[in-house]
Every structure is written in C-alpha cells, then in structure tokens.
Amino acid sequence: YIDHFCSHFSNMSKSRTSVFFFLFLFLLSSVQSIPPSTDILALRAFKAAIKPSSIPSYSCLGSWNFTTDPCSVPRVTHFTCGLSCSSGNRVTELTLDPAGYTGTLSPLVSKLTQLVTLDLQNNNFYGPIPSSLSSLPNLKNLVLRLNSFSGSVPPSLTSLKSLLSLDLSHNLISGLPNSMNELTSLRRLDLSYNKLTGSLPKLPPNLLELAAKANSLSGPLLKSSFYGLNQLEVVELSENSLFGTIETWFFQLPSLQQIDMANNSFTLVKISNVVNLNSDLVAVDLGFNKIEGYLPVNFAIFPRLSSLTLRYNKFRGPIPLQYSKKATLKRLYLDGNFLNGSPPAGFFGRETSVTGSLGDNCLQKCPISSQLCLKSQKSTSICQQAYGGKPKS
C-alpha cells in the first residue's frame, strides 16, 4: 500500500511538473511576441509629435491604439496600416499614407533600430531632419518627399552605410554635408525642388541616379563632385543657375545614359572626339541655356544617342551633316537658335524618322512640308543683327 501511494504521488508530481513547464514555455513565447519597449516608446513618440487634429480617424495613424500589440496579426481594428514587423516582432518599416499629417519627425524614431524603410512622403511634416536617424544601421530607404522639412541635411546621416535610396525632393532643404560621398551604398539620390545653393559636394561613389532639379545650384560643374562615379546613369540638374563650360570629362562618365541640364546658364559645350565607343548615352537635353558657338559635331559619335535637345541657346552656323546621317537619332530639337544655311537634306527623305524642330532659326530652304520646319524662322533683320550685319530699314 505504501509503495502504491508513493508511486501515485510520484506520477502526480511529474504531471504537475510537465504542466508548469508547458505553461512556462507558453508565457515565454507570449512575452517574446511583443515588440521590445523601445519600439513601442518610439512609435508612441512618433505619433505624439503629430498634431492630433491632422490625424483622420480613417487614416493609418488613426488606427494606432497602443492598448494592443503593434505587431500582432491579424490587424483588424488597430494598427491596420503604417508599419510592418519582422518575424522577430521588430518594426522594420514605417510607411505612412498621404493623409496630410502635420507635425515634426520625433528624434525617438531612432529607437526603431531594425528599421529598413522610413517613408513619410506626401504629408505636412516640417522642421529639421533629426540627426538621430544616424542610429538606424539597417535603414535602406529614406523617403521624405513632398513635405516641408527645412534646414541642412545633418552630417551624421552620412554614416548610414546601408542606405540605398534617399528622396528629399519637394521640401525646403537648404544645405548638404560635405561628407555625402560617405554614403557608399547609395544608389538613388533625389534632391529636386528644394532650396539648395552653391555647388554640389563630392557625390556618393556608387550612385546610379542623381536628381537635383529646380534648386538654386550655381557655379560650374565640378569634376571633383563627380569623380569616380563610374556607375552613374542619370543626371537631372535642370532649372538651376549652373554656368560655365560643360567639359568633355562629363560626357565621358562611363555609364551615363540620360542628361537633363536644361534651363541653366551654361555658355559652352566641349566634346572631344575621344568618346567611349561603348557609351550608353541615349538622351541629352541642354535646352534653354546660353550656349554659344557652333553645334558640337561630336554628339554624332555617341553610338546610341537617340534624343538631342539644344533648343533656345545661342548656337550659330550650319547644322552638321553628321546629325542627319545618324541612324539612331529619333528626336532633335534645335529651334530657338541662330543656325543658318540650309538644313541637311537627309532630314527630309522618305526614310527619315526624326521628329523635333528646326524652327525659329536663320535657316534657308527649310521645307514647310516637313514637321521639323513647321515653326517659322526668325526675321531677316534679327538674323542680320546676330551675324553682325545691319538690319534692313
């Protein structure tokens, strides 16, 4: 009887031990499923920095109720959108809807140390970009476009070694750090529609796309800014105040495909005949500058060039015959200059497929039957003045 009692007691003890063990595992897993307090603190601070009156009830932030776990699924009533979490329940993405949120970006967002994407585009954020963002070692995409951020980009941000894409376009940013080239992983940089002045700093070495349209950048293009950019494919610097000469080195950047530097104040273009015959340059727009001299014949050397815009400058002389013989050229805009002589007949053959304009020049015998010549030429008096003659009375 005693042996039976002891055996029964022993079995009960084992059973209770097993129950407690599984209960412990359950509680442990429950604790682990909740994001760490630093993530929740950061999300609370992020929302608190936004004016409550600018948070619609139907918006992503309107569903952020901290009585529930931000990373729990399914998200039926709370945290329905605006963030994503990893399998380890760390916040990895903060992507807001364009609901018109108004406020500042809390420096405590830097506590989201596993953040990969921060996207606040198309809202009403204002004030400086927090320097604390440098504490986000995994950040790959920073998108702040279409807001009202102001001041200079903090130098500390150039320590973001994982950053691939930086879009600060359509803000009020007024300065860039000289250490921009330390963003060694950066592939896409958009600074368009801001308040930038002066010259561009030395740019990140692995950049594919650069856009800084519609700022107040000034001075010449500096070779030091573009040094070593062997992967750069797209340059968009239109609507600035850049001036001086566009030198051969710029066109020789080995991966360059598209150039748009229209609406600046450049006065000269130099292209030597030592051009990379494997160049991928497809499109060039230098319209609405103050470029003087003859049309650069060596544009015809680029093997894949299909679109060339040199409209509304101060070019003189004839249109190079080489332009009309270039089979890849499909769009050509030379209107608004002081070109003279007769345009090459090759532009008007049955087999030609070139579109564009040769109008508003001083050309003779530009056939009005051609789409290229629909726009009329300048008056004789204007052309005589341009070439040093006296206008007819």
Protein backbone atom coordinates (compact mmCIF):
# COMPACT_ATOMS: atom_id res chain seq x y z
CA TYR A 1 0.00 0.00 0.00
CA ILE A 2 2.80 2.41 0.85
CA ASP A 3 4.60 1.55 -2.40
CA HIS A 4 1.38 2.19 -4.36
CA PHE A 5 0.87 5.60 -2.65
CA CYS A 6 4.44 6.67 -3.35
CA SER A 7 4.14 5.65 -6.98
CA HIS A 8 0.86 7.57 -7.34
CA PHE A 9 2.36 10.69 -5.69
CA SER A 10 5.38 10.49 -7.95
CA ASN A 11 3.21 10.37 -11.08
CA MET A 12 1.21 13.38 -9.86
CA SER A 13 4.41 15.32 -9.31
CA LYS A 14 5.66 14.54 -12.80
CA SER A 15 2.33 15.55 -14.27
CA ARG A 16 2.35 18.86 -12.42
CA THR A 17 5.96 19.48 -13.45
CA SER A 18 5.01 18.93 -17.09
CA VAL A 19 2.06 21.32 -16.79
CA PHE A 20 4.19 24.03 -15.20
CA PHE A 21 6.91 23.51 -17.83
CA PHE A 22 4.49 23.96 -20.75
CA LEU A 23 2.87 26.91 -19.01
CA PHE A 24 6.31 28.49 -18.65
CA LEU A 25 7.02 27.97 -22.38
CA PHE A 26 3.67 29.49 -23.28
CA LEU A 27 4.28 32.57 -21.16
CA LEU A 28 7.81 32.91 -22.55
CA SER A 29 6.57 32.79 -26.14
CA SER A 30 3.89 35.34 -25.30
CA VAL A 31 6.47 37.73 -23.90
CA GLN A 32 8.73 37.26 -26.90
CA SER A 33 5.88 38.04 -29.33
CA ILE A 34 5.56 41.58 -28.03
CA PRO A 35 7.91 44.18 -29.58
CA PRO A 36 10.51 45.50 -27.15
CA SER A 37 9.56 48.53 -25.10
CA THR A 38 11.97 50.72 -27.10
CA ASP A 39 10.00 50.08 -30.31
CA ILE A 40 6.71 50.90 -28.62
CA LEU A 41 8.23 54.00 -26.99
CA ALA A 42 9.45 55.16 -30.41
CA LEU A 43 6.06 54.62 -32.04
CA ARG A 44 4.30 56.48 -29.23
CA ALA A 45 6.72 59.41 -29.57
CA PHE A 46 6.37 59.38 -33.36
CA LYS A 47 2.59 59.71 -33.16
CA ALA A 48 2.74 62.24 -30.29
CA ALA A 49 4.83 64.62 -32.46
CA ILE A 50 1.97 64.87 -34.97
CA LYS A 51 -0.91 67.26 -34.36
CA PRO A 52 -3.99 65.23 -33.34
CA SER A 53 -6.22 67.48 -35.46
CA SER A 54 -4.33 66.33 -38.58
CA ILE A 55 -4.92 62.61 -37.91
CA PRO A 56 -8.16 61.49 -39.60
CA SER A 57 -9.99 58.62 -37.93
CA TYR A 58 -9.82 56.60 -41.17
CA SER A 59 -6.04 57.02 -41.56
CA CYS A 60 -3.21 54.68 -40.64
CA LEU A 61 -2.21 56.73 -37.59
CA GLY A 62 -5.88 56.95 -36.61
CA SER A 63 -5.79 53.18 -36.07
CA TRP A 64 -2.70 53.25 -33.87
CA ASN A 65 -4.06 52.28 -30.44
CA PHE A 66 -1.35 51.27 -28.00
CA THR A 67 -3.65 49.09 -25.92
CA THR A 68 -2.74 46.33 -28.39
CA ASP A 69 0.50 44.90 -29.71
CA PRO A 70 1.57 46.85 -32.86
CA CYS A 71 2.96 43.68 -34.42
CA SER A 72 0.09 41.31 -33.68
CA VAL A 73 -1.83 39.80 -36.59
CA PRO A 74 -4.40 39.90 -37.98
CA ARG A 75 -4.73 43.69 -37.72
CA VAL A 76 -8.47 44.12 -37.82
CA THR A 77 -9.12 47.25 -35.77
CA HIS A 78 -5.77 48.57 -34.53
CA PHE A 79 -2.50 49.28 -36.38
CA THR A 80 -4.25 48.41 -39.64
CA CYS A 81 -1.52 50.07 -41.70
CA GLY A 82 1.55 52.29 -41.49
CA LEU A 83 4.06 49.76 -40.21
CA SER A 84 5.45 46.29 -40.83
CA CYS A 85 7.23 43.94 -38.48
CA SER A 86 9.81 41.21 -38.84
CA SER A 87 9.28 37.58 -37.83
CA GLY A 88 11.03 38.55 -34.60
CA ASN A 89 8.39 41.24 -33.98
CA ARG A 90 10.67 44.20 -34.54
CA VAL A 91 9.35 47.17 -36.51
CA THR A 92 11.13 47.14 -39.89
CA GLU A 93 9.01 49.51 -41.97
CA LEU A 94 7.26 52.78 -41.23
CA THR A 95 5.30 53.85 -44.32
CA LEU A 96 2.56 56.42 -43.82
CA ASP A 97 -0.41 57.09 -46.04
CA PRO A 98 -0.71 60.61 -47.58
CA ALA A 99 -3.36 61.76 -45.09
CA GLY A 100 -2.00 65.27 -44.53
CA TYR A 101 -0.32 64.54 -41.19
CA THR A 102 1.15 67.75 -39.76
CA GLY A 103 3.99 67.78 -37.26
CA THR A 104 7.68 67.15 -36.72
CA LEU A 105 9.62 63.92 -37.01
CA SER A 106 10.41 62.75 -33.48
CA PRO A 107 14.12 62.08 -32.85
CA LEU A 108 13.00 58.99 -30.88
CA VAL A 109 12.21 57.25 -34.18
CA SER A 110 15.91 56.32 -33.98
CA LYS A 111 14.94 53.75 -31.31
CA LEU A 112 13.46 51.61 -34.11
CA THR A 113 16.89 50.11 -34.64
CA GLN A 114 15.68 47.40 -37.05
CA LEU A 115 14.00 49.91 -39.36
CA VAL A 116 14.69 49.27 -43.06
CA THR A 117 12.25 51.75 -44.64
CA LEU A 118 11.07 55.14 -43.40
CA ASP A 119 8.57 56.64 -45.86
CA LEU A 120 6.63 59.78 -44.88
CA GLN A 121 6.00 61.15 -48.36
CA ASN A 122 3.19 63.50 -49.31
CA ASN A 123 2.30 64.86 -45.87
CA ASN A 124 2.96 68.09 -43.93
CA PHE A 125 5.99 67.28 -41.80
CA TYR A 126 8.12 70.32 -41.04
CA GLY A 127 11.24 71.31 -39.13
CA PRO A 128 14.72 69.77 -39.32
CA ILE A 129 15.58 66.21 -40.23
CA PRO A 130 16.67 64.65 -36.91
CA SER A 131 20.37 63.89 -36.71
CA SER A 132 19.46 60.85 -34.59
CA LEU A 133 18.43 58.99 -37.77
CA SER A 134 22.11 58.10 -37.97
CA SER A 135 21.34 55.48 -35.28
CA LEU A 136 19.37 53.35 -37.75
CA PRO A 137 22.09 50.96 -39.00
CA ASN A 138 19.73 48.89 -41.19
CA LEU A 139 17.97 51.78 -42.93
CA LYS A 140 17.93 51.27 -46.71
CA ASN A 141 15.16 53.60 -47.88
CA LEU A 142 14.55 57.11 -46.56
CA VAL A 143 11.68 58.85 -48.35
CA LEU A 144 10.67 62.29 -47.06
CA ARG A 145 9.50 63.82 -50.37
CA LEU A 146 6.57 66.23 -50.60
CA ASN A 147 6.78 67.65 -47.08
CA SER A 148 8.19 70.86 -45.58
CA PHE A 149 11.41 69.69 -43.94
CA SER A 150 13.89 72.56 -43.70
CA GLY A 151 17.49 73.33 -42.80
CA SER A 152 20.54 71.33 -43.82
CA VAL A 153 20.84 67.58 -44.09
CA PRO A 154 22.60 66.55 -40.86
CA PRO A 155 26.22 65.43 -41.45
CA SER A 156 25.58 62.44 -39.17
CA LEU A 157 23.25 60.93 -41.79
CA THR A 158 26.23 60.13 -43.99
CA SER A 159 27.08 57.34 -41.54
CA LEU A 160 24.09 55.33 -42.84
CA LYS A 161 26.17 52.70 -44.62
CA SER A 162 23.16 50.58 -45.64
CA LEU A 163 21.20 53.43 -47.26
CA LEU A 164 20.28 52.65 -50.89
CA SER A 165 17.72 55.34 -51.71
CA LEU A 166 17.37 58.90 -50.37
CA ASP A 167 14.46 61.02 -51.59
CA LEU A 168 14.24 64.51 -50.09
CA SER A 169 12.55 66.13 -53.09
CA HIS A 170 9.86 68.81 -52.72
CA ASN A 171 10.93 70.16 -49.33
CA LEU A 172 12.76 73.26 -48.07
CA ILE A 173 16.21 71.72 -47.62
CA SER A 174 18.94 74.38 -47.86
CA GLY A 175 22.23 72.54 -47.40
CA LEU A 176 24.13 69.29 -47.88
CA PRO A 177 27.05 67.94 -45.85
CA ASN A 178 30.47 67.79 -47.48
CA SER A 179 30.62 64.14 -46.47
CA MET A 180 27.87 62.98 -48.88
CA ASN A 181 30.41 60.69 -50.55
CA GLU A 182 30.49 58.59 -47.35
CA LEU A 183 27.07 57.15 -48.28
CA THR A 184 28.87 54.32 -50.01
CA SER A 185 25.80 52.14 -50.67
CA LEU A 186 23.57 54.92 -52.01
CA ARG A 187 22.15 54.25 -55.49
CA ARG A 188 19.43 56.87 -55.90
CA LEU A 189 19.51 60.47 -54.67
CA ASP A 190 16.67 62.92 -55.32
CA LEU A 191 17.09 66.47 -54.04
CA SER A 192 14.78 68.16 -56.56
CA TYR A 193 12.60 71.15 -55.68
CA ASN A 194 14.44 72.37 -52.60
CA LYS A 195 16.44 75.48 -51.62
CA LEU A 196 19.96 74.23 -52.31
CA THR A 197 22.58 76.79 -53.35
CA GLY A 198 26.20 76.73 -54.47
CA SER A 199 27.95 73.67 -55.89
CA LEU A 200 27.27 70.01 -55.36
CA PRO A 201 29.60 68.30 -52.86
CA LYS A 202 31.54 65.17 -53.76
CA LEU A 203 28.83 62.63 -54.53
CA PRO A 204 28.42 59.03 -53.31
CA PRO A 205 30.68 56.72 -55.37
CA ASN A 206 28.08 54.07 -56.29
CA LEU A 207 25.30 56.41 -57.35
CA LEU A 208 23.10 55.33 -60.28
CA GLU A 209 20.67 58.26 -60.38
CA LEU A 210 21.14 61.89 -59.36
CA ALA A 211 18.29 64.40 -59.41
CA ALA A 212 18.58 67.96 -58.10
CA LYS A 213 16.14 69.74 -60.40
CA ALA A 214 14.68 73.14 -59.52
CA ASN A 215 17.06 74.36 -56.82
CA SER A 216 19.39 77.37 -56.87
CA LEU A 217 22.62 75.50 -57.54
CA SER A 218 25.22 77.76 -59.12
CA GLY A 219 28.75 77.77 -60.49
CA PRO A 220 30.31 75.37 -62.98
CA LEU A 221 30.06 71.59 -62.94
CA LEU A 222 32.94 70.44 -60.77
CA LYS A 223 34.86 67.36 -61.81
CA SER A 224 35.59 66.71 -58.13
CA SER A 225 31.84 66.33 -57.44
CA PHE A 226 31.54 63.51 -59.99
CA TYR A 227 34.94 61.91 -59.52
CA GLY A 228 34.82 58.11 -59.59
CA LEU A 229 31.11 57.89 -60.39
CA ASN A 230 31.59 55.01 -62.81
CA GLN A 231 28.05 53.70 -62.37
CA LEU A 232 26.15 56.97 -62.74
CA GLU A 233 23.40 56.59 -65.37
CA VAL A 234 21.02 59.53 -64.91
CA VAL A 235 21.80 63.20 -64.19
CA GLU A 236 18.86 65.60 -63.75
CA LEU A 237 20.08 69.12 -62.92
CA SER A 238 17.62 71.24 -64.89
CA GLU A 239 16.16 74.52 -63.60
CA ASN A 240 19.16 75.72 -61.62
CA SER A 241 21.70 78.53 -62.09
CA LEU A 242 24.70 76.48 -63.20
CA PHE A 243 27.01 78.25 -65.61
CA GLY A 244 30.32 77.98 -67.44
CA THR A 245 31.51 75.15 -69.68
CA ILE A 246 30.26 71.57 -69.83
CA GLU A 247 33.56 69.79 -70.35
CA THR A 248 34.44 66.55 -72.14
CA TRP A 249 35.03 64.67 -68.86
CA PHE A 250 31.33 64.89 -68.03
CA PHE A 251 30.21 63.18 -71.24
CA GLN A 252 32.85 60.52 -70.69
CA LEU A 253 31.38 59.23 -67.42
CA PRO A 254 31.35 55.56 -68.44
CA SER A 255 27.76 54.56 -67.57
CA LEU A 256 25.95 57.79 -68.41
CA GLN A 257 22.63 57.31 -70.23
CA GLN A 258 20.48 60.40 -69.65
CA ILE A 259 21.46 64.05 -69.13
CA ASP A 260 18.99 66.85 -68.42
CA MET A 261 20.58 70.20 -67.65
CA ALA A 262 18.04 72.42 -69.39
CA ASN A 263 17.15 75.84 -68.01
CA ASN A 264 20.53 76.80 -66.61
CA SER A 265 23.11 79.38 -67.74
CA PHE A 266 25.80 77.26 -69.40
CA THR A 267 27.68 79.14 -72.12
CA LEU A 268 29.87 76.50 -73.78
CA VAL A 269 29.94 72.76 -74.52
CA LYS A 270 33.18 70.91 -75.23
CA ILE A 271 33.19 67.35 -76.53
CA SER A 272 36.46 65.97 -77.86
CA ASN A 273 36.42 63.23 -80.47
CA VAL A 274 37.86 60.84 -77.88
CA VAL A 275 34.49 59.41 -76.92
CA ASN A 276 33.84 55.99 -75.43
CA LEU A 277 32.55 53.98 -78.39
CA ASN A 278 30.71 51.76 -75.91
CA SER A 279 28.92 54.76 -74.41
CA ASP A 280 25.29 54.16 -73.40
CA LEU A 281 24.36 57.84 -73.69
CA VAL A 282 20.81 57.91 -75.08
CA ALA A 283 19.34 61.34 -74.29
CA VAL A 284 20.79 64.84 -73.81
CA ASP A 285 18.77 67.97 -73.00
CA LEU A 286 20.71 71.24 -72.80
CA GLY A 287 17.85 73.44 -73.92
CA PHE A 288 17.21 76.95 -72.59
CA ASN A 289 20.78 77.80 -71.66
CA LYS A 290 23.11 80.48 -73.08
CA ILE A 291 25.40 78.18 -75.04
CA GLU A 292 27.29 79.90 -77.86
CA GLY A 293 29.38 78.73 -80.79
CA TYR A 294 28.77 76.00 -83.36
CA LEU A 295 26.74 72.88 -82.72
CA PRO A 296 29.08 70.19 -81.33
CA VAL A 297 29.67 67.77 -84.21
CA ASN A 298 30.88 65.09 -81.82
CA PHE A 299 27.41 64.43 -80.43
CA ALA A 300 27.09 62.28 -83.54
CA ILE A 301 29.87 59.98 -82.29
CA PHE A 302 27.82 58.60 -79.39
CA PRO A 303 26.65 55.25 -80.77
CA ARG A 304 23.25 55.07 -79.01
CA LEU A 305 22.21 58.72 -78.88
CA SER A 306 18.53 58.91 -79.83
CA SER A 307 17.36 62.24 -78.37
CA LEU A 308 19.25 65.56 -78.57
CA THR A 309 17.77 68.87 -77.39
CA LEU A 310 19.79 72.07 -77.80
CA ARG A 311 16.84 74.42 -78.28
CA TYR A 312 16.82 78.08 -77.24
CA ASN A 313 20.51 78.74 -76.89
CA LYS A 314 22.82 80.96 -78.94
CA PHE A 315 24.21 78.44 -81.42
CA ARG A 316 25.28 79.75 -84.80
CA GLY A 317 26.44 78.34 -88.11
CA PRO A 318 25.17 75.35 -90.07
CA ILE A 319 23.61 72.13 -88.80
CA PRO A 320 26.30 69.43 -89.02
CA LEU A 321 25.74 66.94 -91.83
CA GLN A 322 26.64 64.18 -89.35
CA TYR A 323 23.40 64.80 -87.43
CA SER A 324 21.29 63.86 -90.45
CA LYS A 325 23.32 60.70 -91.05
CA LYS A 326 22.95 59.37 -87.52
CA ALA A 327 20.56 56.43 -87.75
CA THR A 328 19.91 56.21 -84.00
CA LEU A 329 18.79 59.85 -83.70
CA LYS A 330 14.98 59.97 -83.42
CA ARG A 331 14.33 63.29 -81.62
CA LEU A 332 16.17 66.51 -82.48
CA TYR A 333 15.23 69.93 -81.13
CA LEU A 334 17.42 72.77 -82.41
CA ASP A 335 14.77 75.52 -82.51
CA GLY A 336 15.34 78.94 -80.98
CA ASN A 337 18.98 79.43 -82.01
CA PHE A 338 20.69 81.37 -84.81
CA LEU A 339 21.57 78.47 -87.10
CA ASN A 340 21.99 79.41 -90.75
CA GLY A 341 22.48 77.82 -94.17
CA SER A 342 20.34 75.01 -95.50
CA PRO A 343 19.45 72.09 -93.24
CA PRO A 344 20.89 68.73 -94.40
CA ALA A 345 18.63 67.08 -96.98
CA GLY A 346 18.89 63.80 -95.08
CA PHE A 347 16.34 65.09 -92.58
CA PHE A 348 13.64 65.24 -95.22
CA GLY A 349 13.96 61.95 -97.10
CA ARG A 350 11.22 59.35 -97.16
CA GLU A 351 13.14 57.06 -94.87
CA THR A 352 13.78 59.63 -92.15
CA SER A 353 12.01 59.16 -88.83
CA VAL A 354 13.40 62.17 -86.95
CA THR A 355 10.89 64.29 -85.02
CA GLY A 356 11.51 67.63 -83.35
CA SER A 357 12.00 71.19 -84.58
CA LEU A 358 14.46 73.29 -86.59
CA GLY A 359 12.26 76.41 -86.43
CA ASP A 360 12.98 79.89 -85.05
CA ASN A 361 16.49 79.96 -86.55
CA CYS A 362 18.05 81.68 -89.55
CA LEU A 363 17.85 78.66 -91.85
CA GLN A 364 17.16 78.87 -95.56
CA LYS A 365 15.14 76.34 -97.54
CA CYS A 366 13.64 74.57 -94.56
CA PRO A 367 10.72 72.81 -96.29
CA ILE A 368 7.41 73.69 -94.63
CA SER A 369 6.12 70.30 -95.73
CA SER A 370 8.34 68.78 -93.04
CA GLN A 371 7.21 68.61 -89.42
CA LEU A 372 10.72 69.79 -88.48
CA CYS A 373 10.07 73.12 -90.21
CA LEU A 374 6.51 73.87 -89.06
CA LYS A 375 7.75 76.65 -86.78
CA SER A 376 8.76 79.69 -88.85
CA GLN A 377 12.29 81.09 -88.99
CA LYS A 378 13.50 84.35 -87.43
CA SER A 379 13.10 87.55 -89.39
CA THR A 380 15.87 88.65 -91.74
CA SER A 381 16.62 91.72 -89.63
CA ILE A 382 17.15 89.67 -86.45
CA CYS A 383 19.43 87.26 -88.29
CA GLN A 384 21.48 90.08 -89.79
CA GLN A 385 21.94 91.60 -86.35
CA ALA A 386 23.02 88.23 -84.98
CA TYR A 387 25.69 87.89 -87.64
CA GLY A 388 26.97 91.45 -87.33
CA GLY A 389 25.13 92.93 -90.26
CA LYS A 390 22.81 95.89 -90.29
CA PRO A 391 19.08 95.27 -90.34
CA LYS A 392 17.21 96.35 -93.43
CA SER A 393 15.31 99.57 -92.97
